[in-house]
Amino acid sequence: MDTVSIADVKRSISTIVNRVAFGRERIVLTSRGKPKAALVSIEDLQRLKILETATAPPSRAERKAALAMAQAVREMTLARRGGVPFSDVAEDLRRLREERDLELAGLH
């Protein structure tokens, strides 16, 4: 990625924009040697917008809806099991690991 000072951009904006638009370059604009902004093509900007939308965290309403759905599924599953509660997964994993360790040590 090339860097160009803002002073140089002022002198040759047309050339720099063409490099970005047609040469598919990404140019970092600097001021006093420090990066301040970047010039990217419209295609790059569109990709960034798509990425931003895809990786945006869920809203509070979306989180609440997901939690409500998970609770409903849990209740349906519990009803199908005749009210028998689920086992403690953490405890099950601890027990299985303990058995595996004993087996590996030749003690079980």
N, C-alpha and C. Protein backbone atom coordinates (compact mmCIF):
# COMPACT_ATOMS: atom_id res chain seq x y z
N MET A 1 0.85 -1.16 0.00
CA MET A 1 0.00 0.00 0.00
C MET A 1 0.89 1.23 0.00
N ASP A 2 0.64 2.10 -0.92
CA ASP A 2 1.44 3.31 -1.07
C ASP A 2 0.95 4.38 -0.10
N THR A 3 1.84 5.26 0.32
CA THR A 3 1.45 6.39 1.15
C THR A 3 1.74 7.68 0.40
N VAL A 4 0.87 8.65 0.59
CA VAL A 4 1.01 9.94 -0.06
C VAL A 4 0.67 11.01 0.97
N SER A 5 1.46 12.07 1.00
CA SER A 5 1.15 13.14 1.94
C SER A 5 -0.05 13.94 1.43
N ILE A 6 -0.76 14.52 2.35
CA ILE A 6 -1.92 15.31 1.98
C ILE A 6 -1.50 16.49 1.10
N ALA A 7 -0.32 17.03 1.35
CA ALA A 7 0.18 18.11 0.50
C ALA A 7 0.32 17.64 -0.94
N ASP A 8 0.84 16.41 -1.15
CA ASP A 8 0.96 15.87 -2.51
C ASP A 8 -0.41 15.62 -3.13
N VAL A 9 -1.36 15.21 -2.31
CA VAL A 9 -2.72 14.98 -2.82
C VAL A 9 -3.29 16.28 -3.36
N LYS A 10 -3.06 17.37 -2.65
CA LYS A 10 -3.58 18.67 -3.10
C LYS A 10 -3.02 19.05 -4.46
N ARG A 11 -1.77 18.68 -4.72
CA ARG A 11 -1.13 19.03 -5.99
C ARG A 11 -1.55 18.12 -7.14
N SER A 12 -1.85 16.85 -6.83
CA SER A 12 -2.11 15.91 -7.92
C SER A 12 -3.29 14.99 -7.64
N ILE A 13 -4.39 15.57 -7.20
CA ILE A 13 -5.56 14.78 -6.82
C ILE A 13 -6.07 13.91 -7.97
N SER A 14 -6.09 14.45 -9.17
CA SER A 14 -6.62 13.71 -10.31
C SER A 14 -5.81 12.44 -10.58
N THR A 15 -4.51 12.56 -10.56
CA THR A 15 -3.64 11.40 -10.80
C THR A 15 -3.82 10.36 -9.71
N ILE A 16 -3.88 10.80 -8.47
CA ILE A 16 -4.01 9.88 -7.34
C ILE A 16 -5.36 9.17 -7.38
N VAL A 17 -6.42 9.91 -7.67
CA VAL A 17 -7.75 9.28 -7.76
C VAL A 17 -7.77 8.25 -8.88
N ASN A 18 -7.15 8.56 -10.00
CA ASN A 18 -7.10 7.59 -11.10
C ASN A 18 -6.31 6.34 -10.72
N ARG A 19 -5.25 6.51 -9.97
CA ARG A 19 -4.48 5.34 -9.50
C ARG A 19 -5.36 4.42 -8.66
N VAL A 20 -6.19 5.03 -7.82
CA VAL A 20 -7.08 4.26 -6.95
C VAL A 20 -8.21 3.64 -7.76
N ALA A 21 -8.86 4.45 -8.60
CA ALA A 21 -10.04 3.99 -9.33
C ALA A 21 -9.70 2.97 -10.41
N PHE A 22 -8.65 3.22 -11.16
CA PHE A 22 -8.36 2.36 -12.30
C PHE A 22 -7.18 1.42 -12.07
N GLY A 23 -6.28 1.79 -11.19
CA GLY A 23 -5.11 0.96 -10.92
C GLY A 23 -5.30 0.04 -9.74
N ARG A 24 -6.49 0.12 -9.12
CA ARG A 24 -6.83 -0.72 -7.96
C ARG A 24 -5.83 -0.57 -6.81
N GLU A 25 -5.26 0.60 -6.70
CA GLU A 25 -4.34 0.86 -5.59
C GLU A 25 -5.12 1.33 -4.38
N ARG A 26 -4.56 1.09 -3.23
CA ARG A 26 -5.07 1.65 -1.98
C ARG A 26 -3.99 2.58 -1.48
N ILE A 27 -4.37 3.80 -1.19
CA ILE A 27 -3.37 4.81 -0.83
C ILE A 27 -3.69 5.38 0.55
N VAL A 28 -2.69 5.34 1.41
CA VAL A 28 -2.82 5.92 2.74
C VAL A 28 -2.37 7.38 2.67
N LEU A 29 -3.23 8.26 3.16
CA LEU A 29 -2.90 9.69 3.18
C LEU A 29 -2.27 10.03 4.52
N THR A 30 -1.16 10.73 4.45
CA THR A 30 -0.44 11.07 5.67
C THR A 30 -0.38 12.57 5.87
N SER A 31 -0.29 12.96 7.12
CA SER A 31 -0.09 14.35 7.48
C SER A 31 1.02 14.39 8.52
N ARG A 32 2.08 15.09 8.18
CA ARG A 32 3.26 15.15 9.05
C ARG A 32 3.79 13.75 9.35
N GLY A 33 3.71 12.89 8.35
CA GLY A 33 4.25 11.55 8.46
C GLY A 33 3.36 10.53 9.15
N LYS A 34 2.19 10.96 9.62
CA LYS A 34 1.29 10.06 10.32
C LYS A 34 0.09 9.73 9.44
N PRO A 35 -0.31 8.46 9.39
CA PRO A 35 -1.49 8.08 8.60
C PRO A 35 -2.74 8.77 9.13
N LYS A 36 -3.53 9.34 8.22
CA LYS A 36 -4.75 10.05 8.61
C LYS A 36 -6.00 9.46 7.99
N ALA A 37 -5.88 8.96 6.76
CA ALA A 37 -7.05 8.43 6.04
C ALA A 37 -6.53 7.55 4.92
N ALA A 38 -7.48 6.99 4.16
CA ALA A 38 -7.09 6.16 3.03
C ALA A 38 -8.03 6.41 1.86
N LEU A 39 -7.49 6.28 0.67
CA LEU A 39 -8.29 6.34 -0.54
C LEU A 39 -8.40 4.91 -1.06
N VAL A 40 -9.64 4.48 -1.30
CA VAL A 40 -9.88 3.15 -1.84
C VAL A 40 -10.88 3.27 -2.98
N SER A 41 -10.90 2.26 -3.83
CA SER A 41 -11.83 2.26 -4.94
C SER A 41 -13.26 2.07 -4.44
N ILE A 42 -14.22 2.36 -5.30
CA ILE A 42 -15.62 2.14 -4.97
C ILE A 42 -15.86 0.66 -4.68
N GLU A 43 -15.22 -0.22 -5.45
CA GLU A 43 -15.38 -1.67 -5.22
C GLU A 43 -14.91 -2.05 -3.82
N ASP A 44 -13.76 -1.50 -3.41
CA ASP A 44 -13.26 -1.78 -2.06
C ASP A 44 -14.22 -1.25 -1.01
N LEU A 45 -14.76 -0.07 -1.23
CA LEU A 45 -15.69 0.52 -0.29
C LEU A 45 -16.94 -0.35 -0.16
N GLN A 46 -17.44 -0.85 -1.27
CA GLN A 46 -18.62 -1.72 -1.24
C GLN A 46 -18.32 -3.00 -0.46
N ARG A 47 -17.13 -3.57 -0.68
CA ARG A 47 -16.75 -4.77 0.07
C ARG A 47 -16.65 -4.47 1.57
N LEU A 48 -16.12 -3.31 1.92
CA LEU A 48 -16.03 -2.93 3.33
C LEU A 48 -17.42 -2.78 3.95
N LYS A 49 -18.35 -2.20 3.20
CA LYS A 49 -19.72 -2.05 3.71
C LYS A 49 -20.37 -3.40 3.95
N ILE A 50 -20.18 -4.33 3.02
CA ILE A 50 -20.74 -5.68 3.17
C ILE A 50 -20.12 -6.36 4.39
N LEU A 51 -18.82 -6.25 4.52
CA LEU A 51 -18.13 -6.85 5.66
C LEU A 51 -18.60 -6.24 6.97
N GLU A 52 -18.76 -4.93 6.98
CA GLU A 52 -19.21 -4.23 8.18
C GLU A 52 -20.61 -4.71 8.59
N THR A 53 -21.48 -4.87 7.62
CA THR A 53 -22.84 -5.34 7.90
C THR A 53 -22.82 -6.77 8.40
N ALA A 54 -22.00 -7.59 7.77
CA ALA A 54 -21.95 -9.02 8.13
C ALA A 54 -21.37 -9.24 9.52
N THR A 55 -20.49 -8.36 9.96
CA THR A 55 -19.82 -8.57 11.24
C THR A 55 -20.36 -7.67 12.35
N ALA A 56 -21.43 -6.94 12.05
CA ALA A 56 -22.00 -6.06 13.08
C ALA A 56 -22.56 -6.91 14.21
N PRO A 57 -22.33 -6.50 15.45
CA PRO A 57 -22.87 -7.27 16.56
C PRO A 57 -24.40 -7.22 16.56
N PRO A 58 -25.05 -8.26 17.06
CA PRO A 58 -26.51 -8.26 17.07
C PRO A 58 -27.05 -7.16 17.98
N SER A 59 -28.18 -6.63 17.60
CA SER A 59 -28.80 -5.57 18.40
C SER A 59 -29.37 -6.17 19.69
N ARG A 60 -29.74 -5.32 20.59
CA ARG A 60 -30.35 -5.78 21.85
C ARG A 60 -31.61 -6.59 21.56
N ALA A 61 -32.42 -6.11 20.63
CA ALA A 61 -33.66 -6.82 20.29
C ALA A 61 -33.35 -8.20 19.71
N GLU A 62 -32.32 -8.29 18.86
CA GLU A 62 -31.94 -9.59 18.29
C GLU A 62 -31.45 -10.54 19.37
N ARG A 63 -30.67 -10.02 20.32
CA ARG A 63 -30.19 -10.87 21.42
C ARG A 63 -31.34 -11.36 22.28
N LYS A 64 -32.31 -10.47 22.56
CA LYS A 64 -33.47 -10.86 23.36
C LYS A 64 -34.29 -11.92 22.64
N ALA A 65 -34.47 -11.76 21.32
CA ALA A 65 -35.23 -12.74 20.54
C ALA A 65 -34.54 -14.09 20.54
N ALA A 66 -33.22 -14.09 20.39
CA ALA A 66 -32.46 -15.35 20.39
C ALA A 66 -32.56 -16.02 21.75
N LEU A 67 -32.49 -15.24 22.81
CA LEU A 67 -32.61 -15.80 24.16
C LEU A 67 -34.00 -16.40 24.39
N ALA A 68 -35.03 -15.70 23.92
CA ALA A 68 -36.39 -16.21 24.06
C ALA A 68 -36.57 -17.51 23.27
N MET A 69 -35.97 -17.57 22.07
CA MET A 69 -36.06 -18.77 21.26
C MET A 69 -35.35 -19.94 21.95
N ALA A 70 -34.18 -19.68 22.50
CA ALA A 70 -33.42 -20.72 23.19
C ALA A 70 -34.21 -21.23 24.40
N GLN A 71 -34.84 -20.32 25.12
CA GLN A 71 -35.64 -20.73 26.29
C GLN A 71 -36.82 -21.58 25.86
N ALA A 72 -37.48 -21.21 24.75
CA ALA A 72 -38.62 -21.98 24.25
C ALA A 72 -38.18 -23.38 23.84
N VAL A 73 -37.03 -23.48 23.16
CA VAL A 73 -36.52 -24.79 22.76
C VAL A 73 -36.19 -25.63 23.98
N ARG A 74 -35.59 -25.01 24.98
CA ARG A 74 -35.25 -25.73 26.21
C ARG A 74 -36.52 -26.27 26.88
N GLU A 75 -37.56 -25.43 26.95
CA GLU A 75 -38.81 -25.86 27.58
C GLU A 75 -39.47 -26.99 26.78
N MET A 76 -39.46 -26.90 25.45
CA MET A 76 -40.03 -27.97 24.62
C MET A 76 -39.27 -29.27 24.83
N THR A 77 -37.96 -29.18 24.87
CA THR A 77 -37.13 -30.38 25.05
C THR A 77 -37.38 -30.98 26.43
N LEU A 78 -37.46 -30.14 27.42
CA LEU A 78 -37.72 -30.62 28.78
C LEU A 78 -39.08 -31.32 28.86
N ALA A 79 -40.09 -30.75 28.18
CA ALA A 79 -41.42 -31.37 28.16
C ALA A 79 -41.36 -32.73 27.48
N ARG A 80 -40.61 -32.84 26.40
CA ARG A 80 -40.48 -34.12 25.68
C ARG A 80 -39.77 -35.17 26.54
N ARG A 81 -38.92 -34.71 27.44
CA ARG A 81 -38.19 -35.62 28.31
C ARG A 81 -39.02 -35.98 29.55
N GLY A 82 -40.28 -35.54 29.56
CA GLY A 82 -41.15 -35.85 30.70
C GLY A 82 -40.76 -35.10 31.95
N GLY A 83 -40.15 -33.96 31.80
CA GLY A 83 -39.76 -33.15 32.95
C GLY A 83 -38.44 -33.55 33.56
N VAL A 84 -37.77 -34.55 32.98
CA VAL A 84 -36.47 -34.98 33.50
C VAL A 84 -35.44 -33.90 33.14
N PRO A 85 -34.79 -33.34 34.14
CA PRO A 85 -33.84 -32.26 33.85
C PRO A 85 -32.60 -32.76 33.12
N PHE A 86 -31.93 -31.84 32.49
CA PHE A 86 -30.69 -32.16 31.78
C PHE A 86 -29.58 -32.42 32.79
N SER A 87 -28.61 -33.23 32.37
CA SER A 87 -27.46 -33.46 33.25
C SER A 87 -26.57 -32.22 33.21
N ASP A 88 -25.71 -32.13 34.20
CA ASP A 88 -24.75 -31.03 34.27
C ASP A 88 -23.61 -31.35 33.30
N VAL A 89 -23.59 -30.65 32.17
CA VAL A 89 -22.62 -30.93 31.12
C VAL A 89 -21.19 -30.76 31.63
N ALA A 90 -20.96 -29.73 32.41
CA ALA A 90 -19.61 -29.50 32.93
C ALA A 90 -19.17 -30.68 33.80
N GLU A 91 -20.08 -31.18 34.62
CA GLU A 91 -19.75 -32.32 35.48
C GLU A 91 -19.52 -33.57 34.64
N ASP A 92 -20.34 -33.77 33.60
CA ASP A 92 -20.16 -34.91 32.71
C ASP A 92 -18.78 -34.87 32.05
N LEU A 93 -18.39 -33.70 31.56
CA LEU A 93 -17.08 -33.56 30.92
C LEU A 93 -15.95 -33.82 31.91
N ARG A 94 -16.09 -33.30 33.13
CA ARG A 94 -15.07 -33.52 34.15
C ARG A 94 -14.90 -35.00 34.42
N ARG A 95 -16.03 -35.71 34.56
CA ARG A 95 -15.99 -37.15 34.83
C ARG A 95 -15.36 -37.91 33.67
N LEU A 96 -15.74 -37.57 32.44
CA LEU A 96 -15.17 -38.24 31.27
C LEU A 96 -13.66 -37.99 31.17
N ARG A 97 -13.24 -36.78 31.45
CA ARG A 97 -11.80 -36.48 31.40
C ARG A 97 -11.05 -37.26 32.47
N GLU A 98 -11.66 -37.35 33.64
CA GLU A 98 -11.04 -38.09 34.73
C GLU A 98 -10.88 -39.57 34.34
N GLU A 99 -11.94 -40.14 33.76
CA GLU A 99 -11.87 -41.53 33.30
C GLU A 99 -10.79 -41.71 32.23
N ARG A 100 -10.72 -40.78 31.31
CA ARG A 100 -9.71 -40.85 30.25
C ARG A 100 -8.30 -40.79 30.84
N ASP A 101 -8.10 -39.86 31.77
CA ASP A 101 -6.78 -39.72 32.39
C ASP A 101 -6.37 -41.00 33.11
N LEU A 102 -7.32 -41.60 33.84
CA LEU A 102 -7.03 -42.85 34.55
C LEU A 102 -6.70 -43.96 33.55
N GLU A 103 -7.46 -44.01 32.45
CA GLU A 103 -7.22 -45.02 31.43
C GLU A 103 -5.85 -44.83 30.79
N LEU A 104 -5.49 -43.60 30.51
CA LEU A 104 -4.18 -43.32 29.90
C LEU A 104 -3.04 -43.66 30.86
N ALA A 105 -3.31 -43.46 32.14
CA ALA A 105 -2.31 -43.77 33.16
C ALA A 105 -2.25 -45.26 33.47
N GLY A 106 -3.19 -46.03 32.89
CA GLY A 106 -3.23 -47.48 33.11
C GLY A 106 -3.82 -47.87 34.43
N LEU A 107 -4.55 -46.96 35.05
CA LEU A 107 -5.14 -47.24 36.37
C LEU A 107 -6.59 -47.64 36.29
N HIS A 108 -7.14 -47.66 35.11
CA HIS A 108 -8.58 -47.97 35.00
C HIS A 108 -8.84 -49.00 33.94
